[in-house]
Amino acid sequence: MTTQIRPFTTQSEALFARAQAVTPGGVNSPVRAFRSVGGTPRFIREAHGAYLTDVDGHRLLDYIGSWGPMILGHDHPAVREAVAAALARGTSFGAPSEGEVRLAETVTRLTGVDRVRFVNSGTEATMSALRLARGFTGRTFIVKFRGNYHGHADGLLVEAGSGLMTNAAKTLGQAAPSSAGVPEEYARLTLVCEYNDPAALDALMQERGHDVAAVIFEPVVGNAGVLIPTPEFLAALHRVRDAGALLIADEVMTGFRLSLRGATGLLGLTPDLICWGKIIGGGLPVGAYGGRAEVMDFVSPQGPVYQAGTLSGNPLAMAAGLATLEVLESDPSIYARLETYTMQLAEGLRAAAQAAGVPLSVNQIGSMLTAFHQDAPVGSIRTYADAARSDTGAFAVWFQRMLAQGIYWAPSQFESIFVSAAHTDSDLNATLDAARSAYAQLGGTA
């Protein structure tokens, strides 16, 4: 049985109180606030391998991995040494450097794109790719999918209206803002469809495709929980080009996470543009977008689509990203080990929940996993609506019981967790021991 950690969070509570006085909600990204699971967010002092240590001294087995980039684990020696060497040469130049060229050469070689442009975040990458698509096609509208998150740019913070397929033809795919501060005028330029619904996508493109500059999608969804595309949906995605629209794969989360060619390589996708982040910066702030030369050559200064950034191609981020990709490429077996661990974790969670009589359905692909607290057959949770049926209250209780045993899970029912190469068999056993205890308490069988 996993040892119960000390319950006190005195230092985290003190820091959270101070933070709330100077930062909205006390955090710099909403999910960190623990609003959906309750309690005080843990303030982290340091991280090494598969573990975090919070300011109260609790050692936590980490399944967030900074929301994906720490595929090698925290403080990996190769990444740390590369950043230290880059730091000795300076933190930012505002001018080109060799690191940008080397990382761009690596990304293009591994993914098959012709050109890549570095930015500072996933939001910048998707925002820039959509501007490029509009500039290249001369069209105005974009299509996104319900439950897919592409950053917080105004035109992407929209959700589908109810009854997509029952709308009148002139409003098919109509979207409304999902955040205050997003003008309805922006939202009207974004058409929303249901993920994993090929018929809906075909109907939308037949009706509105002549106006659509691009269809942007997550090859594997991570922000509605892990949703895995069906072959029929992947085929429908490729058909959008029949209407002259570009296909944009948002691989900010999945790029180099699911394979050296990302989810697009794993699933056999051929998008026109791909967006990356997270792993290509090795844990430092980064983003990128790339694609075939015909499209990318529309980007300034070569083309008419403007995009710039003072810190784009930052030498520290380039060094960390290059070191991370070099380790992954030098040992391709990492991906098989990650998948084996994550599959065993999924199977163990299902067994623990079943033994306790707790409804659970687990979606898993590669080193990404979501445990949905609902009674659904394996593989049947495919859409945002499917995921939304989960019992968030049960998840919150389970999350807190896992945290009390030293397991740091994503603090939301609708997020993916991420396994790293630093996780060991003993970590897996400790996690499943904790899960059995948490589910037994949740199911009243303890």
Protein backbone atom coordinates (compact mmCIF):
# COMPACT_ATOMS: atom_id res chain seq x y z
CA MET A 1 0.00 0.00 0.00
CA THR A 2 1.29 3.45 -0.90
CA THR A 3 2.23 5.48 2.17
CA GLN A 4 -0.10 8.35 3.09
CA ILE A 5 1.86 11.59 2.85
CA ARG A 6 1.75 14.36 5.42
CA PRO A 7 -1.57 16.18 5.09
CA PHE A 8 -0.34 19.69 5.79
CA THR A 9 0.04 22.25 3.02
CA THR A 10 1.03 25.22 5.15
CA GLN A 11 3.58 26.70 2.77
CA SER A 12 1.44 26.15 -0.33
CA GLU A 13 -1.50 27.79 1.42
CA ALA A 14 0.62 30.80 2.37
CA LEU A 15 1.96 31.20 -1.15
CA PHE A 16 -1.51 30.77 -2.63
CA ALA A 17 -2.85 33.53 -0.39
CA ARG A 18 -0.02 35.84 -1.43
CA ALA A 19 -0.54 34.94 -5.10
CA GLN A 20 -4.26 35.68 -4.98
CA ALA A 21 -3.46 39.22 -3.88
CA VAL A 22 -1.34 39.91 -6.96
CA THR A 23 -2.44 37.40 -9.64
CA PRO A 24 -5.98 36.65 -10.93
CA GLY A 25 -7.11 33.53 -9.09
CA GLY A 26 -3.64 33.13 -7.66
CA VAL A 27 -2.36 31.24 -10.72
CA ASN A 28 -0.97 31.96 -14.17
CA SER A 29 -3.03 29.28 -15.93
CA PRO A 30 -6.57 28.37 -14.80
CA VAL A 31 -6.40 24.60 -14.29
CA ARG A 32 -3.60 25.05 -11.75
CA ALA A 33 -6.07 26.61 -9.30
CA PHE A 34 -7.65 23.22 -8.42
CA ARG A 35 -11.13 24.76 -8.86
CA SER A 36 -12.62 21.53 -10.23
CA VAL A 37 -11.08 19.25 -7.60
CA GLY A 38 -10.98 21.47 -4.50
CA GLY A 39 -8.20 22.07 -2.05
CA THR A 40 -5.06 24.14 -2.25
CA PRO A 41 -2.85 23.89 -5.34
CA ARG A 42 0.59 22.56 -4.58
CA PHE A 43 3.38 25.07 -5.14
CA ILE A 44 6.40 23.20 -6.49
CA ARG A 45 9.93 23.78 -5.24
CA GLU A 46 11.83 21.45 -7.57
CA ALA A 47 11.47 18.51 -9.95
CA HIS A 48 13.76 15.61 -10.84
CA GLY A 49 13.03 12.52 -12.91
CA ALA A 50 9.42 11.45 -12.39
CA TYR A 51 8.98 13.39 -9.14
CA LEU A 52 8.01 16.84 -7.95
CA THR A 53 8.74 18.20 -4.49
CA ASP A 54 6.38 20.86 -3.17
CA VAL A 55 7.25 23.70 -0.84
CA ASP A 56 5.99 21.69 2.16
CA GLY A 57 8.45 18.90 1.38
CA HIS A 58 5.99 16.38 -0.08
CA ARG A 59 7.50 14.21 -2.82
CA LEU A 60 4.92 13.65 -5.55
CA LEU A 61 4.97 11.13 -8.40
CA ASP A 62 4.23 13.37 -11.38
CA TYR A 63 1.82 12.42 -14.18
CA ILE A 64 1.47 15.92 -15.60
CA GLY A 65 5.02 16.42 -16.87
CA SER A 66 4.46 20.18 -17.22
CA TRP A 67 1.44 19.24 -19.38
CA GLY A 68 3.43 17.16 -21.80
CA PRO A 69 6.92 18.47 -22.62
CA MET A 70 8.84 16.47 -20.00
CA ILE A 71 8.84 13.24 -22.01
CA LEU A 72 12.33 12.40 -20.70
CA GLY A 73 11.44 13.35 -17.14
CA HIS A 74 12.39 16.45 -15.19
CA ASP A 75 15.97 17.70 -15.08
CA HIS A 76 17.26 15.23 -17.64
CA PRO A 77 21.08 15.48 -17.70
CA ALA A 78 21.36 16.00 -21.48
CA VAL A 79 18.78 18.79 -21.44
CA ARG A 80 20.22 20.41 -18.33
CA GLU A 81 23.74 20.41 -19.77
CA ALA A 82 22.57 21.80 -23.12
CA VAL A 83 20.71 24.66 -21.43
CA ALA A 84 23.67 25.40 -19.16
CA ALA A 85 26.00 25.59 -22.16
CA ALA A 86 23.58 27.88 -24.01
CA LEU A 87 23.12 30.04 -20.91
CA ALA A 88 26.87 30.63 -20.76
CA ARG A 89 26.65 32.16 -24.22
CA GLY A 90 23.69 34.47 -23.47
CA THR A 91 19.95 34.32 -22.92
CA SER A 92 18.55 36.17 -25.95
CA PHE A 93 20.10 37.77 -29.01
CA GLY A 94 17.28 39.29 -31.05
CA ALA A 95 19.22 37.95 -34.02
CA PRO A 96 19.54 34.53 -35.71
CA SER A 97 21.62 31.81 -34.08
CA GLU A 98 22.88 28.38 -35.07
CA GLY A 99 20.52 26.69 -32.58
CA GLU A 100 17.49 27.82 -34.58
CA VAL A 101 18.90 26.31 -37.75
CA ARG A 102 19.85 23.02 -36.11
CA LEU A 103 16.46 22.54 -34.46
CA ALA A 104 14.62 23.52 -37.64
CA GLU A 105 16.72 21.01 -39.61
CA THR A 106 15.86 18.31 -37.06
CA VAL A 107 12.14 19.08 -37.03
CA THR A 108 11.85 19.16 -40.81
CA ARG A 109 13.87 15.96 -41.21
CA LEU A 110 11.84 14.03 -38.64
CA THR A 111 8.38 15.28 -39.62
CA GLY A 112 8.72 15.68 -43.39
CA VAL A 113 7.66 19.35 -43.54
CA ASP A 114 9.66 21.68 -45.82
CA ARG A 115 9.81 24.79 -43.63
CA VAL A 116 9.32 25.64 -39.96
CA ARG A 117 8.98 28.96 -38.12
CA PHE A 118 9.60 29.15 -34.35
CA VAL A 119 7.42 31.17 -31.97
CA ASN A 120 7.04 31.28 -28.19
CA SER A 121 3.91 29.26 -27.39
CA GLY A 122 1.34 26.88 -28.79
CA THR A 123 -1.18 29.71 -28.94
CA GLU A 124 1.20 31.73 -31.13
CA ALA A 125 1.76 28.71 -33.36
CA THR A 126 -1.92 28.02 -34.05
CA MET A 127 -2.78 31.71 -34.36
CA SER A 128 0.02 32.20 -36.88
CA ALA A 129 -0.86 29.08 -38.85
CA LEU A 130 -4.46 30.25 -39.23
CA ARG A 131 -3.37 33.71 -40.38
CA LEU A 132 -1.10 32.01 -42.90
CA ALA A 133 -3.97 29.81 -44.13
CA ARG A 134 -6.17 32.84 -44.63
CA GLY A 135 -3.40 34.69 -46.43
CA PHE A 136 -2.61 31.72 -48.65
CA THR A 137 -6.20 30.88 -49.61
CA GLY A 138 -7.70 34.37 -49.56
CA ARG A 139 -10.61 32.98 -47.53
CA THR A 140 -12.02 34.09 -44.19
CA PHE A 141 -13.62 31.23 -42.25
CA ILE A 142 -11.98 28.43 -40.28
CA VAL A 143 -13.38 25.19 -38.91
CA LYS A 144 -12.51 23.75 -35.49
CA PHE A 145 -13.94 20.86 -33.50
CA ARG A 146 -15.87 20.92 -30.28
CA GLY A 147 -13.63 20.12 -27.34
CA ASN A 148 -10.41 20.75 -29.28
CA TYR A 149 -8.26 23.41 -27.61
CA HIS A 150 -5.88 25.42 -29.77
CA GLY A 151 -4.78 28.13 -27.38
CA HIS A 152 -6.47 31.29 -26.21
CA ALA A 153 -6.50 33.39 -29.39
CA ASP A 154 -9.88 35.10 -29.82
CA GLY A 155 -10.96 33.23 -32.92
CA LEU A 156 -10.29 29.85 -31.29
CA LEU A 157 -12.13 30.37 -28.00
CA VAL A 158 -15.48 29.26 -29.36
CA GLU A 159 -17.70 26.22 -28.89
CA ALA A 160 -20.44 24.72 -31.08
CA GLY A 161 -24.00 25.87 -30.77
CA SER A 162 -26.46 23.15 -29.81
CA GLY A 163 -27.81 20.89 -32.51
CA LEU A 164 -25.18 21.50 -35.17
CA MET A 165 -26.85 19.35 -37.79
CA THR A 166 -30.33 20.77 -37.12
CA ASN A 167 -29.27 24.34 -37.87
CA ALA A 168 -30.57 26.05 -40.95
CA ALA A 169 -28.16 25.78 -43.86
CA LYS A 170 -27.12 29.40 -43.62
CA THR A 171 -25.98 28.94 -40.01
CA LEU A 172 -24.53 25.44 -40.25
CA GLY A 173 -21.57 25.21 -37.91
CA GLN A 174 -22.36 28.51 -36.18
CA ALA A 175 -20.30 29.16 -33.06
CA ALA A 176 -20.56 31.44 -30.07
CA PRO A 177 -17.77 32.82 -27.84
CA SER A 178 -16.81 30.64 -24.88
CA SER A 179 -14.95 33.44 -23.09
CA ALA A 180 -15.85 36.95 -22.09
CA GLY A 181 -13.92 39.47 -24.14
CA VAL A 182 -14.22 37.55 -27.41
CA PRO A 183 -16.30 39.66 -29.82
CA GLU A 184 -19.13 37.82 -31.53
CA GLU A 185 -17.74 39.16 -34.81
CA TYR A 186 -14.63 37.02 -34.27
CA ALA A 187 -16.66 33.98 -33.27
CA ARG A 188 -18.70 34.21 -36.47
CA LEU A 189 -15.55 33.52 -38.45
CA THR A 190 -15.07 30.17 -36.70
CA LEU A 191 -17.33 27.28 -37.66
CA VAL A 192 -17.53 24.43 -35.17
CA CYS A 193 -18.11 20.75 -35.85
CA GLU A 194 -18.24 17.63 -33.68
CA TYR A 195 -14.97 15.72 -33.40
CA ASN A 196 -15.18 12.14 -34.70
CA ASP A 197 -18.35 12.90 -36.68
CA PRO A 198 -17.36 12.49 -40.35
CA ALA A 199 -20.92 13.02 -41.64
CA ALA A 200 -21.15 16.36 -39.85
CA LEU A 201 -17.80 17.48 -41.25
CA ASP A 202 -18.76 16.43 -44.78
CA ALA A 203 -22.07 18.31 -44.49
CA LEU A 204 -20.40 21.43 -43.14
CA MET A 205 -17.79 21.47 -45.91
CA GLN A 206 -20.39 20.83 -48.59
CA GLU A 207 -22.40 23.82 -47.36
CA ARG A 208 -19.66 26.24 -46.37
CA GLY A 209 -16.40 24.81 -47.72
CA HIS A 210 -16.00 27.47 -50.43
CA ASP A 211 -15.52 30.05 -47.63
CA VAL A 212 -13.19 27.94 -45.45
CA ALA A 213 -9.49 28.78 -45.33
CA ALA A 214 -8.55 25.92 -43.02
CA VAL A 215 -9.75 23.11 -40.82
CA ILE A 216 -7.72 22.89 -37.62
CA PHE A 217 -7.83 19.82 -35.39
CA GLU A 218 -6.04 17.87 -32.67
CA PRO A 219 -5.00 14.50 -34.15
CA VAL A 220 -5.54 13.09 -30.66
CA VAL A 221 -7.57 15.31 -28.36
CA GLY A 222 -6.06 15.99 -24.96
CA ASN A 223 -8.13 18.81 -23.49
CA ALA A 224 -11.49 17.05 -23.42
CA GLY A 225 -9.74 14.06 -22.00
CA VAL A 226 -7.98 11.77 -24.48
CA LEU A 227 -10.18 11.25 -27.56
CA ILE A 228 -8.82 9.03 -30.32
CA PRO A 229 -9.89 9.60 -33.95
CA THR A 230 -11.69 6.93 -35.92
CA PRO A 231 -10.44 5.92 -39.39
CA GLU A 232 -13.65 7.33 -40.89
CA PHE A 233 -13.03 10.70 -39.28
CA LEU A 234 -9.42 10.78 -40.48
CA ALA A 235 -10.64 10.13 -44.02
CA ALA A 236 -13.17 12.98 -43.72
CA LEU A 237 -10.42 15.32 -42.55
CA HIS A 238 -8.46 14.67 -45.73
CA ARG A 239 -11.56 15.34 -47.84
CA VAL A 240 -11.70 18.99 -46.69
CA ARG A 241 -9.00 19.75 -49.26
CA ASP A 242 -11.47 18.93 -52.01
CA ALA A 243 -13.05 22.30 -51.19
CA GLY A 244 -9.70 24.10 -51.37
CA ALA A 245 -9.25 24.39 -47.58
CA LEU A 246 -5.95 23.72 -45.84
CA LEU A 247 -5.72 21.01 -43.17
CA ILE A 248 -3.89 22.10 -40.00
CA ALA A 249 -2.82 19.52 -37.40
CA ASP A 250 -2.38 20.97 -33.93
CA GLU A 251 0.41 18.77 -32.56
CA VAL A 252 1.34 21.10 -29.71
CA MET A 253 0.49 18.29 -27.31
CA THR A 254 1.10 15.19 -29.44
CA GLY A 255 4.13 16.28 -31.49
CA PHE A 256 7.06 13.95 -30.69
CA ARG A 257 4.93 12.62 -27.81
CA LEU A 258 3.33 9.71 -29.68
CA SER A 259 6.17 9.03 -32.11
CA LEU A 260 9.15 10.77 -33.69
CA ARG A 261 6.70 11.93 -36.37
CA GLY A 262 4.02 12.77 -33.85
CA ALA A 263 0.40 11.73 -34.13
CA THR A 264 0.34 12.61 -37.83
CA GLY A 265 3.00 10.00 -38.53
CA LEU A 266 1.43 7.46 -36.20
CA LEU A 267 -2.02 7.87 -37.75
CA GLY A 268 -0.93 8.32 -41.37
CA LEU A 269 -2.12 11.93 -41.68
CA THR A 270 -0.84 14.34 -44.34
CA PRO A 271 -1.79 17.85 -43.20
CA ASP A 272 -0.80 21.01 -45.04
CA LEU A 273 0.45 22.68 -41.85
CA ILE A 274 1.47 21.34 -38.44
CA CYS A 275 1.77 23.23 -35.15
CA TRP A 276 4.14 22.16 -32.38
CA GLY A 277 5.12 23.17 -28.87
CA LYS A 278 6.04 21.58 -25.55
CA ILE A 279 8.53 18.79 -26.41
CA ILE A 280 10.36 20.79 -29.10
CA GLY A 281 11.37 23.22 -26.34
CA GLY A 282 12.37 20.54 -23.84
CA GLY A 283 10.33 22.24 -21.11
CA LEU A 284 11.14 25.85 -22.03
CA PRO A 285 8.60 28.22 -23.65
CA VAL A 286 8.35 27.40 -27.35
CA GLY A 287 6.02 26.94 -30.29
CA ALA A 288 6.41 26.36 -34.01
CA TYR A 289 4.43 25.89 -37.18
CA GLY A 290 5.52 24.37 -40.44
CA GLY A 291 4.41 22.81 -43.67
CA ARG A 292 5.11 22.56 -47.34
CA ALA A 293 7.24 25.25 -48.93
CA GLU A 294 4.44 26.53 -51.19
CA VAL A 295 2.44 27.58 -48.14
CA MET A 296 5.23 28.55 -45.73
CA ASP A 297 6.85 30.86 -48.26
CA PHE A 298 3.86 33.17 -47.76
CA VAL A 299 5.29 34.05 -44.31
CA SER A 300 7.12 37.38 -43.93
CA PRO A 301 9.79 38.39 -44.88
CA GLN A 302 9.51 36.08 -47.88
CA GLY A 303 5.76 36.51 -48.26
CA PRO A 304 2.89 38.87 -47.39
CA VAL A 305 1.69 37.21 -44.14
CA TYR A 306 3.25 39.05 -41.20
CA GLN A 307 4.38 37.28 -38.05
CA ALA A 308 7.23 38.24 -35.70
CA GLY A 309 8.52 37.77 -32.16
CA THR A 310 11.39 39.20 -30.15
CA LEU A 311 12.06 35.92 -28.33
CA SER A 312 11.19 33.56 -31.20
CA GLY A 313 13.98 31.02 -31.60
CA ASN A 314 15.26 31.76 -28.09
CA PRO A 315 18.70 30.10 -27.74
CA LEU A 316 17.88 28.40 -24.43
CA ALA A 317 14.66 26.89 -25.78
CA MET A 318 16.39 25.79 -28.97
CA ALA A 319 19.13 24.06 -26.99
CA ALA A 320 16.65 22.26 -24.72
CA GLY A 321 14.49 21.17 -27.61
CA LEU A 322 17.39 19.93 -29.68
CA ALA A 323 18.80 17.94 -26.76
CA THR A 324 15.39 16.36 -26.12
CA LEU A 325 14.91 15.33 -29.74
CA GLU A 326 18.44 13.97 -29.95
CA VAL A 327 17.80 11.69 -26.97
CA LEU A 328 14.49 10.50 -28.44
CA GLU A 329 16.05 9.84 -31.84
CA SER A 330 19.06 8.05 -30.38
CA ASP A 331 16.82 5.59 -28.51
CA PRO A 332 13.61 4.90 -30.48
CA SER A 333 12.72 2.15 -27.98
CA ILE A 334 11.65 4.92 -25.57
CA TYR A 335 8.29 5.10 -27.30
CA ALA A 336 7.65 1.36 -26.91
CA ARG A 337 8.56 1.53 -23.21
CA LEU A 338 6.29 4.54 -22.70
CA GLU A 339 3.37 2.77 -24.36
CA THR A 340 3.91 -0.44 -22.38
CA TYR A 341 3.92 1.46 -19.09
CA THR A 342 0.83 3.47 -20.02
CA MET A 343 -1.09 0.40 -21.22
CA GLN A 344 -0.30 -1.36 -17.95
CA LEU A 345 -1.43 1.73 -16.07
CA ALA A 346 -4.72 1.77 -18.02
CA GLU A 347 -5.34 -1.92 -17.39
CA GLY A 348 -4.52 -1.55 -13.70
CA LEU A 349 -6.85 1.41 -13.26
CA ARG A 350 -9.71 -0.47 -14.93
CA ALA A 351 -9.13 -3.50 -12.69
CA ALA A 352 -8.91 -1.40 -9.52
CA ALA A 353 -12.13 0.47 -10.30
CA GLN A 354 -13.98 -2.71 -11.27
CA ALA A 355 -12.95 -4.43 -8.05
CA ALA A 356 -14.35 -1.51 -6.07
CA GLY A 357 -17.54 -1.25 -8.12
CA VAL A 358 -16.64 2.22 -9.42
CA PRO A 359 -17.67 3.06 -13.02
CA LEU A 360 -14.58 3.84 -15.11
CA SER A 361 -13.64 3.95 -18.77
CA VAL A 362 -10.02 4.59 -19.77
CA ASN A 363 -8.82 6.01 -23.09
CA GLN A 364 -5.13 5.52 -23.82
CA ILE A 365 -2.82 5.99 -26.77
CA GLY A 366 0.96 5.93 -26.48
CA SER A 367 1.96 7.74 -23.30
CA MET A 368 -1.32 9.70 -23.01
CA LEU A 369 -4.24 8.52 -20.86
CA THR A 370 -7.51 9.75 -19.38
CA ALA A 371 -9.53 7.84 -16.79
CA PHE A 372 -13.16 8.90 -17.36
CA HIS A 373 -15.34 8.33 -14.33
CA GLN A 374 -18.37 6.92 -16.09
CA ASP A 375 -19.83 3.59 -17.12
CA ALA A 376 -18.88 3.28 -20.78
CA PRO A 377 -17.37 0.42 -22.81
CA VAL A 378 -13.70 0.65 -23.71
CA GLY A 379 -13.24 2.81 -26.79
CA SER A 380 -16.77 4.23 -26.77
CA ILE A 381 -15.82 7.72 -25.51
CA ARG A 382 -15.06 9.44 -28.81
CA THR A 383 -16.61 12.92 -28.66
CA TYR A 384 -16.75 15.91 -26.36
CA ALA A 385 -20.37 15.01 -25.54
CA ASP A 386 -19.29 11.48 -24.57
CA ALA A 387 -16.57 12.81 -22.28
CA ALA A 388 -18.90 15.38 -20.70
CA ARG A 389 -21.02 12.58 -19.21
CA SER A 390 -18.22 11.79 -16.72
CA ASP A 391 -18.83 12.12 -12.99
CA THR A 392 -16.62 15.08 -12.11
CA GLY A 393 -17.53 14.79 -8.44
CA ALA A 394 -16.25 11.22 -8.28
CA PHE A 395 -13.10 12.26 -10.10
CA ALA A 396 -12.45 15.09 -7.61
CA VAL A 397 -12.70 12.69 -4.66
CA TRP A 398 -10.43 10.17 -6.39
CA PHE A 399 -7.93 12.90 -7.31
CA GLN A 400 -7.64 14.06 -3.70
CA ARG A 401 -7.18 10.51 -2.43
CA MET A 402 -4.46 9.90 -4.99
CA LEU A 403 -2.77 13.17 -4.07
CA ALA A 404 -2.90 12.22 -0.38
CA GLN A 405 -0.87 9.14 -1.31
CA GLY A 406 1.72 11.10 -3.26
CA ILE A 407 0.37 10.70 -6.82
CA TYR A 408 0.12 13.99 -8.72
CA TRP A 409 -2.58 13.48 -11.37
CA ALA A 410 -3.94 16.15 -13.71
CA PRO A 411 -6.38 18.22 -11.57
CA SER A 412 -9.24 17.97 -14.06
CA GLN A 413 -11.39 15.13 -15.34
CA PHE A 414 -10.97 16.52 -18.84
CA GLU A 415 -7.19 16.43 -19.25
CA SER A 416 -4.67 13.87 -20.38
CA ILE A 417 -1.95 12.61 -18.09
CA PHE A 418 1.54 12.06 -19.49
CA VAL A 419 3.99 9.27 -18.76
CA SER A 420 7.71 10.00 -19.03
CA ALA A 421 10.77 7.90 -19.70
CA ALA A 422 11.73 8.48 -16.05
CA HIS A 423 8.76 6.47 -14.73
CA THR A 424 9.82 3.04 -13.50
CA ASP A 425 8.12 -0.27 -12.71
CA SER A 426 8.17 0.62 -9.02
CA ASP A 427 6.43 3.91 -9.86
CA LEU A 428 3.76 1.95 -11.74
CA ASN A 429 3.24 -0.38 -8.79
CA ALA A 430 3.02 2.56 -6.37
CA THR A 431 0.48 4.27 -8.60
CA LEU A 432 -1.73 1.20 -8.87
CA ASP A 433 -1.48 0.55 -5.10
CA ALA A 434 -2.71 4.10 -4.55
CA ALA A 435 -5.45 3.70 -7.14
CA ARG A 436 -6.75 0.51 -5.53
CA SER A 437 -6.92 2.26 -2.18
CA ALA A 438 -8.59 5.35 -3.64
CA TYR A 439 -11.18 3.36 -5.56
CA ALA A 440 -11.90 1.12 -2.58
CA GLN A 441 -12.67 4.23 -0.54
CA LEU A 442 -14.71 5.75 -3.37
CA GLY A 443 -16.69 2.56 -3.85
CA GLY A 444 -17.18 1.97 -0.14
CA THR A 445 -15.28 -1.33 -0.19
CA ALA A 446 -12.32 -0.21 1.91
